[in-house]
C-alpha atoms as a PDB file:
ATOM      1  CA  UNK A   1      14.842  -1.097 -27.170  1.00  0.00           C
ATOM      2  CA  UNK A   2      11.909  -1.346 -24.710  1.00  0.00           C
ATOM      3  CA  UNK A   3      12.511  -3.137 -21.478  1.00  0.00           C
ATOM      4  CA  UNK A   4      10.499  -6.339 -21.015  1.00  0.00           C
ATOM      5  CA  UNK A   5       8.051  -6.162 -18.131  1.00  0.00           C
ATOM      6  CA  UNK A   6       9.279  -7.964 -15.061  1.00  0.00           C
ATOM      7  CA  UNK A   7       6.885 -10.638 -13.842  1.00  0.00           C
ATOM      8  CA  UNK A   8       5.243  -9.427 -10.666  1.00  0.00           C
ATOM      9  CA  UNK A   9       5.822 -11.474  -7.544  1.00  0.00           C
ATOM     10  CA  UNK A  10       4.685 -11.114  -3.967  1.00  0.00           C
ATOM     11  CA  UNK A  11       8.286 -10.392  -2.943  1.00  0.00           C
ATOM     12  CA  UNK A  12       8.299  -7.135  -4.895  1.00  0.00           C
ATOM     13  CA  UNK A  13       5.392  -5.778  -2.847  1.00  0.00           C
ATOM     14  CA  UNK A  14       7.511  -5.645   0.316  1.00  0.00           C
ATOM     15  CA  UNK A  15      10.013  -3.427  -1.512  1.00  0.00           C
ATOM     16  CA  UNK A  16       7.397  -0.994  -2.844  1.00  0.00           C
ATOM     17  CA  UNK A  17       6.850   2.493  -1.536  1.00  0.00           C
ATOM     18  CA  UNK A  18       3.391   3.363  -0.284  1.00  0.00           C
ATOM     19  CA  UNK A  19       2.790   5.529  -3.356  1.00  0.00           C
ATOM     20  CA  UNK A  20       3.827   2.829  -5.842  1.00  0.00           C
ATOM     21  CA  UNK A  21       1.725   0.186  -4.101  1.00  0.00           C
ATOM     22  CA  UNK A  22      -1.294   2.494  -3.987  1.00  0.00           C
ATOM     23  CA  UNK A  23      -0.906   3.355  -7.669  1.00  0.00           C
ATOM     24  CA  UNK A  24      -0.809  -0.319  -8.650  1.00  0.00           C
ATOM     25  CA  UNK A  25      -3.769  -1.058  -6.386  1.00  0.00           C
ATOM     26  CA  UNK A  26      -5.741   1.729  -8.072  1.00  0.00           C
ATOM     27  CA  UNK A  27      -4.866   0.258 -11.487  1.00  0.00           C
ATOM     28  CA  UNK A  28      -6.085  -3.170 -10.378  1.00  0.00           C
ATOM     29  CA  UNK A  29      -9.345  -1.734  -9.049  1.00  0.00           C
ATOM     30  CA  UNK A  30      -9.878   0.144 -12.327  1.00  0.00           C
ATOM     31  CA  UNK A  31      -9.312  -3.050 -14.355  1.00  0.00           C
ATOM     32  CA  UNK A  32     -11.658  -5.061 -12.150  1.00  0.00           C
ATOM     33  CA  UNK A  33     -14.359  -2.402 -12.285  1.00  0.00           C
ATOM     34  CA  UNK A  34     -14.310  -1.991 -16.052  1.00  0.00           C
ATOM     35  CA  UNK A  35     -14.040  -5.737 -16.734  1.00  0.00           C
ATOM     36  CA  UNK A  36     -11.006  -5.329 -18.981  1.00  0.00           C
ATOM     37  CA  UNK A  37      -9.402  -8.571 -17.800  1.00  0.00           C
ATOM     38  CA  UNK A  38     -10.501 -12.200 -18.010  1.00  0.00           C
ATOM     39  CA  UNK A  39     -11.834 -14.072 -15.000  1.00  0.00           C
ATOM     40  CA  UNK A  40      -8.645 -16.014 -14.210  1.00  0.00           C
ATOM     41  CA  UNK A  41      -6.621 -12.807 -14.481  1.00  0.00           C
ATOM     42  CA  UNK A  42      -9.182 -11.009 -12.319  1.00  0.00           C
ATOM     43  CA  UNK A  43      -8.783 -13.596  -9.566  1.00  0.00           C
ATOM     44  CA  UNK A  44      -4.999 -13.165  -9.598  1.00  0.00           C
ATOM     45  CA  UNK A  45      -5.364  -9.387  -9.709  1.00  0.00           C
ATOM     46  CA  UNK A  46      -7.768  -9.467  -6.760  1.00  0.00           C
ATOM     47  CA  UNK A  47      -5.311 -11.579  -4.739  1.00  0.00           C
ATOM     48  CA  UNK A  48      -2.459  -9.189  -5.547  1.00  0.00           C
ATOM     49  CA  UNK A  49      -4.704  -6.244  -4.744  1.00  0.00           C
ATOM     50  CA  UNK A  50      -5.421  -7.688  -1.308  1.00  0.00           C
ATOM     51  CA  UNK A  51      -1.675  -8.004  -0.673  1.00  0.00           C
ATOM     52  CA  UNK A  52      -1.069  -4.457  -1.911  1.00  0.00           C
ATOM     53  CA  UNK A  53      -3.840  -3.188   0.376  1.00  0.00           C
ATOM     54  CA  UNK A  54      -2.272  -4.936   3.366  1.00  0.00           C
ATOM     55  CA  UNK A  55       1.120  -3.455   2.447  1.00  0.00           C
ATOM     56  CA  UNK A  56      -0.361   0.057   2.210  1.00  0.00           C
ATOM     57  CA  UNK A  57      -2.086  -0.369   5.564  1.00  0.00           C
ATOM     58  CA  UNK A  58       1.189  -1.509   7.154  1.00  0.00           C
ATOM     59  CA  UNK A  59       3.014   1.504   5.686  1.00  0.00           C
ATOM     60  CA  UNK A  60       0.332   3.856   7.032  1.00  0.00           C
ATOM     61  CA  UNK A  61       0.527   2.270  10.481  1.00  0.00           C
ATOM     62  CA  UNK A  62       4.307   2.643  10.415  1.00  0.00           C
ATOM     63  CA  UNK A  63       3.994   6.304   9.444  1.00  0.00           C
ATOM     64  CA  UNK A  64       1.372   6.914  12.134  1.00  0.00           C
ATOM     65  CA  UNK A  65       3.657   5.386  14.771  1.00  0.00           C
ATOM     66  CA  UNK A  66       6.539   7.597  13.662  1.00  0.00           C
ATOM     67  CA  UNK A  67       4.370  10.713  13.804  1.00  0.00           C
ATOM     68  CA  UNK A  68       3.126   9.806  17.269  1.00  0.00           C
ATOM     69  CA  UNK A  69       6.713   9.319  18.472  1.00  0.00           C
ATOM     70  CA  UNK A  70       7.684  12.704  17.058  1.00  0.00           C
ATOM     71  CA  UNK A  71       4.648  14.283  18.738  1.00  0.00           C
ATOM     72  CA  UNK A  72       5.670  12.901  22.122  1.00  0.00           C
ATOM     73  CA  UNK A  73       8.289  15.093  23.715  1.00  0.00           C
ATOM     74  CA  UNK A  74      10.775  14.118  26.389  1.00  0.00           C
ATOM     75  CA  UNK A  75       8.060  14.684  29.018  1.00  0.00           C
ATOM     76  CA  UNK A  76       5.781  12.060  27.483  1.00  0.00           C
ATOM     77  CA  UNK A  77       2.269  12.780  26.241  1.00  0.00           C
ATOM     78  CA  UNK A  78       1.758  16.095  28.094  1.00  0.00           C
ATOM     79  CA  UNK A  79       0.112  18.587  25.800  1.00  0.00           C
ATOM     80  CA  UNK A  80       0.267  16.344  22.739  1.00  0.00           C
ATOM     81  CA  UNK A  81      -2.272  14.222  20.952  1.00  0.00           C
ATOM     82  CA  UNK A  82      -1.626  11.250  18.651  1.00  0.00           C
ATOM     83  CA  UNK A  83      -2.026  12.066  14.987  1.00  0.00           C
ATOM     84  CA  UNK A  84      -5.284  10.879  13.418  1.00  0.00           C
ATOM     85  CA  UNK A  85      -3.935   9.311  10.213  1.00  0.00           C
ATOM     86  CA  UNK A  86      -5.959   6.703   8.465  1.00  0.00           C
END
């Protein structure tokens, strides 16, 4: 028996991986671009898309910070450069 789709809430975005959030954001953009959803649905999709975008940006910033910390050795920034992610 097929599983019923869970209603999407803003709370689930915080639990999403970067890849899952990006995939859903791409789906939303595709639907908005091809006009396959009604206006009221498009407004809701746009709002969710904005939240997904913010989540993806936060995940990228977090990853960039981690990479920069890894790049910095015990001597500080000598001979290293921050990663240019983004």
